[in-house]
């Protein structure tokens, strides 16, 4: 089963609900999707190890790009949670180690979001706006191209 991890910043209650709804839909559609909201309290290994393990174990990491997410990913936000800052370091290291070849890290833009909130290292790759492009994202995650090359 394809494993997906969603990396996002806790911008607001409605944003957390957007992420929970996305995860539920992916799970309903047959993907093994994980988010921090499924953890009761805190993970026994601690949040840092849990985040790193989620990124390592995932086939795909969906990165929900908002202004707050970008600032935290870049390490420029000191007022809120530190999770995205940590995840940004882990993701950046993966990209660096692979010479910026990428088939794992997927930028997601909420419906009224902006491409300007995508980390620069990921702007070279497909970005999906949700919910409008959910079907395109799902096809990518499940290796179902929209058009198959004719024989």
N, C-alpha and C. Protein backbone atom coordinates (compact mmCIF):
# COMPACT_ATOMS: atom_id res chain seq x y z
N UNK A 1 0.85 -1.18 0.00
CA UNK A 1 0.00 0.00 0.00
C UNK A 1 0.89 1.24 0.00
N UNK A 2 0.56 2.20 -0.82
CA UNK A 2 1.32 3.44 -0.91
C UNK A 2 1.16 4.25 0.37
N UNK A 3 2.30 4.65 0.94
CA UNK A 3 2.30 5.41 2.20
C UNK A 3 2.55 6.89 1.91
N UNK A 4 1.71 7.73 2.50
CA UNK A 4 1.78 9.18 2.30
C UNK A 4 1.87 9.87 3.66
N UNK A 5 2.72 10.86 3.75
CA UNK A 5 2.81 11.70 4.94
C UNK A 5 2.50 13.13 4.51
N UNK A 6 1.68 13.82 5.29
CA UNK A 6 1.37 15.21 4.99
C UNK A 6 2.11 16.12 5.97
N UNK A 7 2.96 16.97 5.42
CA UNK A 7 3.70 17.97 6.18
C UNK A 7 2.95 19.29 6.02
N UNK A 8 2.63 19.93 7.14
CA UNK A 8 1.86 21.19 7.09
C UNK A 8 2.11 21.98 8.36
N UNK A 9 1.83 23.26 8.30
CA UNK A 9 1.92 24.10 9.49
C UNK A 9 0.53 24.25 10.09
N UNK A 10 0.48 24.43 11.39
CA UNK A 10 -0.79 24.56 12.10
C UNK A 10 -1.25 26.02 12.04
N UNK A 11 -1.63 26.46 10.84
CA UNK A 11 -1.98 27.87 10.61
C UNK A 11 -3.24 28.28 11.37
N UNK A 12 -4.25 27.43 11.35
CA UNK A 12 -5.54 27.74 11.96
C UNK A 12 -6.32 26.45 12.13
N UNK A 13 -7.43 26.53 12.86
CA UNK A 13 -8.29 25.36 13.01
C UNK A 13 -8.83 24.91 11.66
N UNK A 14 -9.21 25.86 10.81
CA UNK A 14 -9.76 25.49 9.50
C UNK A 14 -8.69 24.85 8.61
N UNK A 15 -7.45 25.30 8.74
CA UNK A 15 -6.36 24.71 7.96
C UNK A 15 -6.08 23.28 8.45
N UNK A 16 -6.07 23.08 9.77
CA UNK A 16 -5.90 21.73 10.31
C UNK A 16 -7.02 20.82 9.83
N UNK A 17 -8.24 21.36 9.74
CA UNK A 17 -9.37 20.57 9.25
C UNK A 17 -9.20 20.24 7.77
N UNK A 18 -8.70 21.19 6.98
CA UNK A 18 -8.41 20.94 5.57
C UNK A 18 -7.46 19.75 5.43
N UNK A 19 -6.40 19.73 6.25
CA UNK A 19 -5.42 18.65 6.21
C UNK A 19 -6.05 17.34 6.67
N UNK A 20 -6.84 17.37 7.73
CA UNK A 20 -7.51 16.16 8.22
C UNK A 20 -8.46 15.61 7.15
N UNK A 21 -9.18 16.49 6.47
CA UNK A 21 -10.10 16.06 5.42
C UNK A 21 -9.33 15.46 4.24
N UNK A 22 -8.22 16.07 3.87
CA UNK A 22 -7.40 15.54 2.79
C UNK A 22 -6.88 14.15 3.15
N UNK A 23 -6.36 14.01 4.36
CA UNK A 23 -5.86 12.72 4.79
C UNK A 23 -6.96 11.66 4.79
N UNK A 24 -8.12 12.02 5.30
CA UNK A 24 -9.25 11.08 5.33
C UNK A 24 -9.64 10.65 3.91
N UNK A 25 -9.65 11.60 2.99
CA UNK A 25 -10.02 11.27 1.61
C UNK A 25 -8.99 10.34 0.98
N UNK A 26 -7.71 10.62 1.20
CA UNK A 26 -6.66 9.75 0.67
C UNK A 26 -6.78 8.35 1.26
N UNK A 27 -7.05 8.26 2.55
CA UNK A 27 -7.22 6.96 3.19
C UNK A 27 -8.45 6.25 2.63
N UNK A 28 -9.53 6.97 2.45
CA UNK A 28 -10.74 6.39 1.89
C UNK A 28 -10.49 5.88 0.47
N UNK A 29 -9.60 6.56 -0.25
CA UNK A 29 -9.27 6.17 -1.62
C UNK A 29 -8.15 5.13 -1.68
N UNK A 30 -7.79 4.55 -0.53
CA UNK A 30 -6.89 3.40 -0.51
C UNK A 30 -5.43 3.66 -0.24
N UNK A 31 -5.08 4.89 0.16
CA UNK A 31 -3.69 5.20 0.47
C UNK A 31 -3.49 5.21 1.99
N UNK A 32 -2.31 4.83 2.42
CA UNK A 32 -1.97 4.79 3.84
C UNK A 32 -1.40 6.15 4.24
N UNK A 33 -2.29 7.08 4.56
CA UNK A 33 -1.90 8.47 4.81
C UNK A 33 -1.76 8.74 6.31
N UNK A 34 -0.71 9.49 6.67
CA UNK A 34 -0.41 9.78 8.07
C UNK A 34 -0.27 11.28 8.30
N UNK A 35 -0.84 11.73 9.42
CA UNK A 35 -0.68 13.12 9.88
C UNK A 35 -0.52 13.10 11.39
N UNK A 36 0.02 14.19 11.92
CA UNK A 36 0.24 14.28 13.36
C UNK A 36 -1.05 14.25 14.17
N UNK A 37 -2.15 14.65 13.56
CA UNK A 37 -3.43 14.69 14.28
C UNK A 37 -3.90 13.30 14.70
N UNK A 38 -3.35 12.25 14.10
CA UNK A 38 -3.74 10.89 14.47
C UNK A 38 -3.04 10.41 15.74
N UNK A 39 -2.08 11.18 16.22
CA UNK A 39 -1.35 10.81 17.44
C UNK A 39 -2.11 11.33 18.65
N UNK A 40 -2.32 10.46 19.62
CA UNK A 40 -3.00 10.84 20.86
C UNK A 40 -1.94 11.32 21.86
N UNK A 41 -1.91 12.62 22.10
CA UNK A 41 -0.90 13.18 23.02
C UNK A 41 0.39 13.45 22.29
N UNK A 42 1.34 12.52 22.42
CA UNK A 42 2.62 12.65 21.73
C UNK A 42 3.17 11.25 21.47
N UNK A 43 4.00 11.11 20.43
CA UNK A 43 4.57 9.79 20.14
C UNK A 43 5.63 9.42 21.17
N UNK A 44 5.73 8.15 21.50
CA UNK A 44 6.66 7.70 22.54
C UNK A 44 8.11 8.00 22.18
N UNK A 45 8.43 8.07 20.89
CA UNK A 45 9.80 8.35 20.47
C UNK A 45 10.09 9.85 20.40
N UNK A 46 9.09 10.68 20.66
CA UNK A 46 9.26 12.13 20.57
C UNK A 46 8.92 12.61 19.18
N UNK A 47 8.54 13.90 19.08
CA UNK A 47 8.09 14.44 17.80
C UNK A 47 9.17 14.46 16.74
N UNK A 48 10.42 14.79 17.10
CA UNK A 48 11.47 14.87 16.08
C UNK A 48 11.68 13.53 15.40
N UNK A 49 11.84 12.47 16.20
CA UNK A 49 12.06 11.14 15.63
C UNK A 49 10.82 10.70 14.85
N UNK A 50 9.62 11.01 15.36
CA UNK A 50 8.39 10.64 14.67
C UNK A 50 8.34 11.30 13.28
N UNK A 51 8.63 12.61 13.21
CA UNK A 51 8.61 13.32 11.93
C UNK A 51 9.63 12.73 10.96
N UNK A 52 10.83 12.52 11.46
CA UNK A 52 11.88 11.97 10.60
C UNK A 52 11.48 10.59 10.09
N UNK A 53 10.94 9.75 10.96
CA UNK A 53 10.49 8.42 10.55
C UNK A 53 9.37 8.49 9.52
N UNK A 54 8.44 9.42 9.71
CA UNK A 54 7.34 9.56 8.74
C UNK A 54 7.87 9.92 7.36
N UNK A 55 8.82 10.83 7.30
CA UNK A 55 9.41 11.24 6.03
C UNK A 55 10.18 10.08 5.40
N UNK A 56 10.94 9.37 6.22
CA UNK A 56 11.74 8.24 5.73
C UNK A 56 10.84 7.11 5.20
N UNK A 57 9.77 6.80 5.92
CA UNK A 57 8.92 5.66 5.58
C UNK A 57 7.94 5.96 4.45
N UNK A 58 7.66 7.22 4.20
CA UNK A 58 6.66 7.59 3.20
C UNK A 58 7.17 7.36 1.78
N UNK A 59 6.26 6.92 0.94
CA UNK A 59 6.55 6.88 -0.49
C UNK A 59 6.46 8.30 -1.06
N UNK A 60 5.53 9.08 -0.49
CA UNK A 60 5.33 10.46 -0.89
C UNK A 60 5.11 11.34 0.33
N UNK A 61 5.65 12.55 0.27
CA UNK A 61 5.42 13.56 1.30
C UNK A 61 4.71 14.73 0.64
N UNK A 62 3.46 14.97 1.06
CA UNK A 62 2.71 16.12 0.55
C UNK A 62 3.02 17.29 1.46
N UNK A 63 3.45 18.40 0.88
CA UNK A 63 3.85 19.58 1.64
C UNK A 63 2.84 20.68 1.37
N UNK A 64 2.00 20.99 2.35
CA UNK A 64 0.93 21.97 2.18
C UNK A 64 1.51 23.36 2.35
N UNK A 65 1.71 24.04 1.24
CA UNK A 65 2.47 25.29 1.20
C UNK A 65 1.57 26.52 1.42
N UNK A 66 1.80 27.18 2.54
CA UNK A 66 1.12 28.43 2.91
C UNK A 66 2.22 29.43 3.28
N UNK A 67 1.88 30.70 3.48
CA UNK A 67 2.92 31.66 3.90
C UNK A 67 3.63 31.24 5.19
N UNK A 68 2.88 30.75 6.16
CA UNK A 68 3.49 30.32 7.42
C UNK A 68 4.36 29.09 7.19
N UNK A 69 3.88 28.15 6.39
CA UNK A 69 4.66 26.94 6.09
C UNK A 69 6.00 27.33 5.49
N UNK A 70 5.99 28.22 4.50
CA UNK A 70 7.23 28.61 3.84
C UNK A 70 8.20 29.25 4.83
N UNK A 71 7.72 30.16 5.66
CA UNK A 71 8.60 30.80 6.65
C UNK A 71 9.21 29.77 7.59
N UNK A 72 8.40 28.83 8.03
CA UNK A 72 8.91 27.80 8.95
C UNK A 72 9.87 26.85 8.24
N UNK A 73 9.53 26.47 7.02
CA UNK A 73 10.41 25.61 6.22
C UNK A 73 11.78 26.27 6.08
N UNK A 74 11.79 27.57 5.86
CA UNK A 74 13.04 28.31 5.68
C UNK A 74 13.73 28.64 7.01
N UNK A 75 13.10 28.32 8.13
CA UNK A 75 13.68 28.62 9.43
C UNK A 75 13.57 30.08 9.81
N UNK A 76 12.60 30.80 9.23
CA UNK A 76 12.45 32.24 9.47
C UNK A 76 11.28 32.59 10.38
N UNK A 77 10.60 31.60 10.90
CA UNK A 77 9.44 31.84 11.77
C UNK A 77 9.79 31.32 13.17
N UNK A 78 9.80 32.20 14.14
CA UNK A 78 10.18 31.83 15.50
C UNK A 78 9.01 31.85 16.48
N UNK A 79 7.82 32.24 16.03
CA UNK A 79 6.70 32.43 16.95
C UNK A 79 5.83 31.20 17.12
N UNK A 80 5.85 30.29 16.16
CA UNK A 80 4.95 29.14 16.23
C UNK A 80 5.69 27.84 16.42
N UNK A 81 5.05 26.78 15.98
CA UNK A 81 5.63 25.44 16.10
C UNK A 81 6.91 25.28 15.30
N UNK A 82 7.72 24.32 15.73
CA UNK A 82 9.02 24.08 15.11
C UNK A 82 9.02 22.88 14.18
N UNK A 83 7.87 22.18 14.09
CA UNK A 83 7.81 20.95 13.31
C UNK A 83 8.18 21.13 11.85
N UNK A 84 7.62 22.11 11.19
CA UNK A 84 7.91 22.32 9.77
C UNK A 84 9.37 22.73 9.58
N UNK A 85 9.92 23.48 10.50
CA UNK A 85 11.33 23.85 10.40
C UNK A 85 12.20 22.59 10.41
N UNK A 86 11.89 21.68 11.33
CA UNK A 86 12.63 20.41 11.39
C UNK A 86 12.41 19.59 10.12
N UNK A 87 11.16 19.47 9.70
CA UNK A 87 10.86 18.71 8.49
C UNK A 87 11.54 19.33 7.27
N UNK A 88 11.62 20.66 7.22
CA UNK A 88 12.29 21.34 6.13
C UNK A 88 13.75 20.95 6.02
N UNK A 89 14.40 20.81 7.16
CA UNK A 89 15.81 20.39 7.17
C UNK A 89 15.93 18.97 6.64
N UNK A 90 15.04 18.08 7.08
CA UNK A 90 15.08 16.68 6.63
C UNK A 90 14.82 16.60 5.12
N UNK A 91 13.79 17.30 4.65
CA UNK A 91 13.46 17.30 3.22
C UNK A 91 14.62 17.88 2.41
N UNK A 92 15.16 19.00 2.85
CA UNK A 92 16.28 19.62 2.14
C UNK A 92 17.47 18.68 2.04
N UNK A 93 17.75 17.95 3.11
CA UNK A 93 18.86 17.00 3.09
C UNK A 93 18.61 15.88 2.09
N UNK A 94 17.38 15.37 2.05
CA UNK A 94 17.03 14.33 1.06
C UNK A 94 17.26 14.85 -0.35
N UNK A 95 16.79 16.05 -0.62
CA UNK A 95 16.96 16.63 -1.96
C UNK A 95 18.44 16.83 -2.28
N UNK A 96 19.19 17.32 -1.33
CA UNK A 96 20.63 17.54 -1.51
C UNK A 96 21.35 16.22 -1.81
N UNK A 97 21.03 15.20 -1.01
CA UNK A 97 21.68 13.89 -1.19
C UNK A 97 21.37 13.26 -2.54
N UNK A 98 20.20 13.58 -3.09
CA UNK A 98 19.79 12.99 -4.38
C UNK A 98 20.10 13.92 -5.56
N UNK A 99 20.94 14.92 -5.32
CA UNK A 99 21.30 15.88 -6.36
C UNK A 99 20.04 16.55 -6.94
N UNK A 100 19.07 16.78 -6.06
CA UNK A 100 17.81 17.43 -6.39
C UNK A 100 16.98 16.68 -7.43
N UNK A 101 17.17 15.37 -7.48
CA UNK A 101 16.25 14.51 -8.22
C UNK A 101 15.12 14.20 -7.25
N UNK A 102 13.88 14.32 -7.70
CA UNK A 102 12.77 14.21 -6.76
C UNK A 102 11.58 13.50 -7.38
N UNK A 103 11.09 12.50 -6.67
CA UNK A 103 9.81 11.89 -7.03
C UNK A 103 9.01 11.61 -5.76
N UNK A 104 9.41 12.24 -4.67
CA UNK A 104 8.81 11.96 -3.36
C UNK A 104 8.11 13.16 -2.74
N UNK A 105 8.67 14.33 -2.87
CA UNK A 105 8.18 15.53 -2.18
C UNK A 105 7.30 16.34 -3.13
N UNK A 106 6.04 16.51 -2.74
CA UNK A 106 5.04 17.10 -3.62
C UNK A 106 4.43 18.34 -2.97
N UNK A 107 4.65 19.51 -3.57
CA UNK A 107 4.02 20.72 -3.04
C UNK A 107 2.52 20.73 -3.31
N UNK A 108 1.76 21.08 -2.29
CA UNK A 108 0.31 21.22 -2.36
C UNK A 108 -0.02 22.67 -2.02
N UNK A 109 -0.90 23.26 -2.81
CA UNK A 109 -1.36 24.62 -2.53
C UNK A 109 -2.84 24.56 -2.22
N UNK A 110 -3.26 25.08 -1.07
CA UNK A 110 -4.70 25.16 -0.80
C UNK A 110 -5.38 26.01 -1.87
N UNK A 111 -6.66 25.78 -2.08
CA UNK A 111 -7.42 26.38 -3.18
C UNK A 111 -7.17 27.88 -3.40
N UNK A 112 -7.08 28.65 -2.36
CA UNK A 112 -6.87 30.10 -2.52
C UNK A 112 -5.46 30.51 -2.13
N UNK A 113 -4.54 29.54 -2.21
CA UNK A 113 -3.15 29.81 -1.87
C UNK A 113 -2.37 30.35 -3.06
N UNK A 114 -1.06 30.37 -2.92
CA UNK A 114 -0.20 30.95 -3.94
C UNK A 114 1.04 30.09 -4.18
N UNK A 115 1.42 30.00 -5.43
CA UNK A 115 2.64 29.30 -5.83
C UNK A 115 3.86 29.94 -5.17
N UNK A 116 3.76 31.21 -4.80
CA UNK A 116 4.86 31.91 -4.13
C UNK A 116 5.22 31.29 -2.79
N UNK A 117 4.35 30.45 -2.23
CA UNK A 117 4.61 29.82 -0.94
C UNK A 117 5.28 28.45 -1.05
N UNK A 118 5.62 28.05 -2.27
CA UNK A 118 6.32 26.79 -2.48
C UNK A 118 7.82 27.03 -2.26
N UNK A 119 8.49 26.20 -1.43
CA UNK A 119 9.93 26.35 -1.25
C UNK A 119 10.66 26.29 -2.59
N UNK A 120 11.65 27.12 -2.75
CA UNK A 120 12.34 27.26 -4.04
C UNK A 120 12.87 25.92 -4.57
N UNK A 121 13.34 25.06 -3.70
CA UNK A 121 13.89 23.78 -4.13
C UNK A 121 12.84 22.87 -4.76
N UNK A 122 11.56 23.17 -4.52
CA UNK A 122 10.48 22.32 -5.05
C UNK A 122 9.72 22.96 -6.21
N UNK A 123 10.10 24.17 -6.59
CA UNK A 123 9.38 24.85 -7.67
C UNK A 123 9.61 24.21 -9.03
N UNK A 124 10.62 23.39 -9.17
CA UNK A 124 10.90 22.72 -10.44
C UNK A 124 9.99 21.52 -10.68
N UNK A 125 9.20 21.15 -9.68
CA UNK A 125 8.37 19.95 -9.77
C UNK A 125 6.89 20.31 -9.78
N UNK A 126 6.05 19.35 -10.15
CA UNK A 126 4.62 19.61 -10.19
C UNK A 126 4.10 20.04 -8.83
N UNK A 127 3.20 21.00 -8.88
CA UNK A 127 2.50 21.50 -7.70
C UNK A 127 1.01 21.28 -7.96
N UNK A 128 0.30 20.83 -6.93
CA UNK A 128 -1.13 20.55 -7.09
C UNK A 128 -1.94 21.50 -6.20
N UNK A 129 -2.98 22.08 -6.78
CA UNK A 129 -3.90 22.93 -6.04
C UNK A 129 -5.10 22.08 -5.64
N UNK A 130 -5.39 22.05 -4.35
CA UNK A 130 -6.49 21.21 -3.87
C UNK A 130 -7.62 22.06 -3.34
N UNK A 131 -8.77 21.65 -3.67
CA UNK A 131 -9.28 20.38 -4.14
C UNK A 131 -9.36 20.28 -5.66
N UNK A 132 -9.14 21.33 -6.38
CA UNK A 132 -9.32 21.35 -7.83
C UNK A 132 -8.54 20.24 -8.53
N UNK A 133 -7.31 19.99 -8.13
CA UNK A 133 -6.46 19.01 -8.81
C UNK A 133 -6.29 17.71 -8.02
N UNK A 134 -7.26 17.39 -7.19
CA UNK A 134 -7.17 16.16 -6.40
C UNK A 134 -7.02 14.93 -7.30
N UNK A 135 -7.80 14.83 -8.36
CA UNK A 135 -7.73 13.66 -9.23
C UNK A 135 -6.35 13.52 -9.86
N UNK A 136 -5.75 14.63 -10.28
CA UNK A 136 -4.41 14.59 -10.85
C UNK A 136 -3.39 14.11 -9.81
N UNK A 137 -3.50 14.63 -8.61
CA UNK A 137 -2.62 14.20 -7.52
C UNK A 137 -2.80 12.72 -7.26
N UNK A 138 -4.04 12.29 -7.14
CA UNK A 138 -4.32 10.88 -6.86
C UNK A 138 -3.74 9.98 -7.95
N UNK A 139 -3.88 10.39 -9.21
CA UNK A 139 -3.31 9.59 -10.30
C UNK A 139 -1.79 9.49 -10.15
N UNK A 140 -1.14 10.59 -9.76
CA UNK A 140 0.31 10.54 -9.58
C UNK A 140 0.68 9.60 -8.43
N UNK A 141 -0.02 9.73 -7.32
CA UNK A 141 0.30 8.90 -6.14
C UNK A 141 0.08 7.41 -6.40
N UNK A 142 -0.82 7.09 -7.31
CA UNK A 142 -1.16 5.69 -7.58
C UNK A 142 -0.64 5.21 -8.93
N UNK A 143 0.25 5.97 -9.55
CA UNK A 143 0.87 5.59 -10.83
C UNK A 143 -0.17 5.27 -11.90
N UNK A 144 -1.15 6.14 -12.00
CA UNK A 144 -2.20 5.99 -13.01
C UNK A 144 -2.19 7.21 -13.93
N UNK A 145 -1.38 7.19 -14.98
CA UNK A 145 -1.31 8.36 -15.84
C UNK A 145 -2.65 8.66 -16.51
N UNK A 146 -2.86 9.92 -16.79
CA UNK A 146 -4.08 10.35 -17.45
C UNK A 146 -4.17 9.77 -18.87
N UNK A 147 -3.02 9.65 -19.52
CA UNK A 147 -2.95 9.11 -20.86
C UNK A 147 -1.81 8.11 -20.93
N UNK A 148 -2.10 6.92 -21.38
CA UNK A 148 -1.09 5.87 -21.52
C UNK A 148 -0.51 5.94 -22.93
N UNK A 149 0.79 5.77 -23.05
CA UNK A 149 1.45 5.80 -24.36
C UNK A 149 0.92 4.64 -25.19
N UNK A 150 0.39 4.94 -26.38
CA UNK A 150 -0.10 3.85 -27.24
C UNK A 150 1.04 2.95 -27.72
N UNK A 151 0.73 1.70 -27.92
CA UNK A 151 1.75 0.76 -28.41
C UNK A 151 1.91 0.85 -29.91
